[in-house]
Amino acid sequence: MGKRILIVDDAAFMRMMIKDILSKNGFEVVGEAQDGAEAIERYNELTPDLVTMDITMPEMDGITSLKKIKETNPEAVIIMCSAMGQQAMVIDAIQAGAKDFIVKPFQADRVIEAIQKALD
């Protein structure tokens, strides 16, 4: 069985793109969330093997959500997703415990590479 993944992004289109890439590569998407607060709830409920987390979202941003998930589960594996030009935020995310980051627009091979590396 493939690794279980939670996708967090405020844009339904982006969630669909990642879900498509993951499904085609043998991963199981166990849930989706559209903001950081929902991500924390879904994480605790589903305990996925990995989370892809958008940085910029309404309600609660990805970095705050990352920190809160890491507080309750230091072993959580989270990869941040960011648009071009968010380098400072990416650095914050890595310092807060993110395993890696992928840049939008998503390139399937980069997404899979980041996820496999993070899960090893």
Protein backbone atom coordinates (compact mmCIF):
# COMPACT_ATOMS: atom_id res chain seq x y z
CA MET A 1 0.00 0.00 0.00
CA GLY A 2 1.22 3.50 -0.80
CA LYS A 3 2.16 6.06 1.79
CA ARG A 4 -0.76 8.10 3.17
CA ILE A 5 -0.66 11.81 2.35
CA LEU A 6 -2.65 14.86 3.47
CA ILE A 7 -2.80 17.75 0.98
CA VAL A 8 -3.20 21.28 2.34
CA ASP A 9 -3.80 24.20 -0.03
CA ASP A 10 -6.43 26.92 -0.16
CA ALA A 11 -6.76 26.49 -3.94
CA ALA A 12 -8.88 23.48 -4.95
CA PHE A 13 -7.10 23.43 -8.32
CA MET A 14 -3.69 23.04 -6.65
CA ARG A 15 -4.99 20.27 -4.39
CA MET A 16 -6.34 18.50 -7.45
CA MET A 17 -3.00 18.82 -9.27
CA ILE A 18 -1.01 17.36 -6.37
CA LYS A 19 -3.60 14.63 -5.81
CA ASP A 20 -3.33 13.65 -9.47
CA ILE A 21 0.50 13.50 -9.35
CA LEU A 22 0.45 11.45 -6.13
CA SER A 23 -2.26 9.02 -7.21
CA LYS A 24 -0.43 8.26 -10.47
CA ASN A 25 2.70 7.45 -8.47
CA GLY A 26 1.19 5.02 -6.00
CA PHE A 27 0.55 7.32 -3.04
CA GLU A 28 -2.76 7.35 -1.19
CA VAL A 29 -4.29 10.79 -0.59
CA VAL A 30 -6.15 10.31 2.70
CA GLY A 31 -7.46 13.84 3.04
CA GLU A 32 -7.38 17.47 2.04
CA ALA A 33 -7.57 20.75 3.95
CA GLN A 34 -7.95 24.31 2.70
CA ASP A 35 -6.30 26.24 5.53
CA GLY A 36 -3.85 25.75 8.37
CA ALA A 37 -6.48 25.33 11.10
CA GLU A 38 -8.25 22.61 9.12
CA ALA A 39 -4.85 21.02 8.40
CA ILE A 40 -4.20 20.54 12.14
CA GLU A 41 -7.63 18.93 12.65
CA ARG A 42 -7.22 16.64 9.64
CA TYR A 43 -3.67 15.73 10.66
CA ASN A 44 -4.75 14.67 14.15
CA GLU A 45 -7.72 12.76 12.75
CA LEU A 46 -5.92 10.97 9.87
CA THR A 47 -2.28 10.71 11.07
CA PRO A 48 -0.88 10.70 7.52
CA ASP A 49 2.69 9.64 6.68
CA LEU A 50 3.32 13.02 5.05
CA VAL A 51 1.69 16.43 4.57
CA THR A 52 2.09 18.80 1.62
CA MET A 53 1.42 22.26 3.06
CA ASP A 54 0.86 25.51 1.20
CA ILE A 55 2.54 28.48 2.88
CA THR A 56 0.08 31.27 2.07
CA MET A 57 -3.49 30.51 3.17
CA PRO A 58 -6.39 32.32 4.85
CA GLU A 59 -7.31 31.69 8.53
CA MET A 60 -3.91 30.22 9.45
CA ASP A 61 -0.84 30.15 7.24
CA GLY A 62 1.18 27.03 6.55
CA ILE A 63 4.14 27.95 8.74
CA THR A 64 1.94 28.47 11.83
CA SER A 65 0.16 25.22 11.09
CA LEU A 66 3.50 23.42 10.60
CA LYS A 67 4.71 24.64 14.01
CA LYS A 68 1.49 23.54 15.74
CA ILE A 69 1.56 20.07 14.15
CA LYS A 70 5.24 19.69 15.09
CA GLU A 71 4.44 20.68 18.71
CA THR A 72 2.01 17.77 19.06
CA ASN A 73 3.91 15.39 16.78
CA PRO A 74 7.64 16.13 16.41
CA GLU A 75 7.92 13.19 13.99
CA ALA A 76 5.48 14.74 11.49
CA VAL A 77 6.83 14.83 7.94
CA ILE A 78 5.76 18.05 6.22
CA ILE A 79 6.77 19.43 2.83
CA MET A 80 5.98 23.08 2.15
CA CYS A 81 4.58 24.32 -1.17
CA SER A 82 5.29 27.88 -2.21
CA ALA A 83 4.96 30.12 -5.21
CA MET A 84 8.07 31.62 -6.76
CA GLY A 85 9.71 34.39 -4.77
CA GLN A 86 8.80 33.20 -1.27
CA GLN A 87 12.37 32.21 -0.34
CA ALA A 88 12.30 33.95 3.05
CA MET A 89 9.13 32.05 3.99
CA VAL A 90 10.65 28.78 2.79
CA ILE A 91 13.68 29.36 5.05
CA ASP A 92 11.31 30.03 7.99
CA ALA A 93 9.46 26.81 7.19
CA ILE A 94 12.63 24.71 7.04
CA GLN A 95 13.79 26.21 10.35
CA ALA A 96 10.38 25.37 11.83
CA GLY A 97 10.84 21.73 10.86
CA ALA A 98 9.66 21.29 7.27
CA LYS A 99 11.52 18.47 5.50
CA ASP A 100 11.60 20.12 2.08
CA PHE A 101 9.70 22.47 -0.19
CA ILE A 102 8.29 22.32 -3.68
CA VAL A 103 7.67 25.33 -5.87
CA LYS A 104 4.46 26.07 -7.76
CA PRO A 105 3.64 25.43 -10.52
CA PHE A 106 4.26 21.81 -9.62
CA GLN A 107 6.53 19.59 -11.68
CA ALA A 108 5.53 15.97 -11.10
CA ASP A 109 9.08 14.59 -10.91
CA ARG A 110 10.13 17.23 -8.36
CA VAL A 111 7.04 16.55 -6.21
CA ILE A 112 7.68 12.79 -6.18
CA GLU A 113 11.42 13.26 -5.56
CA ALA A 114 10.77 15.55 -2.56
CA ILE A 115 8.20 13.18 -1.08
CA GLN A 116 10.35 10.08 -1.49
CA LYS A 117 13.36 11.87 0.01
CA ALA A 118 11.29 13.12 2.97
CA LEU A 119 9.88 9.66 3.68
CA ASP A 120 13.26 7.87 3.59
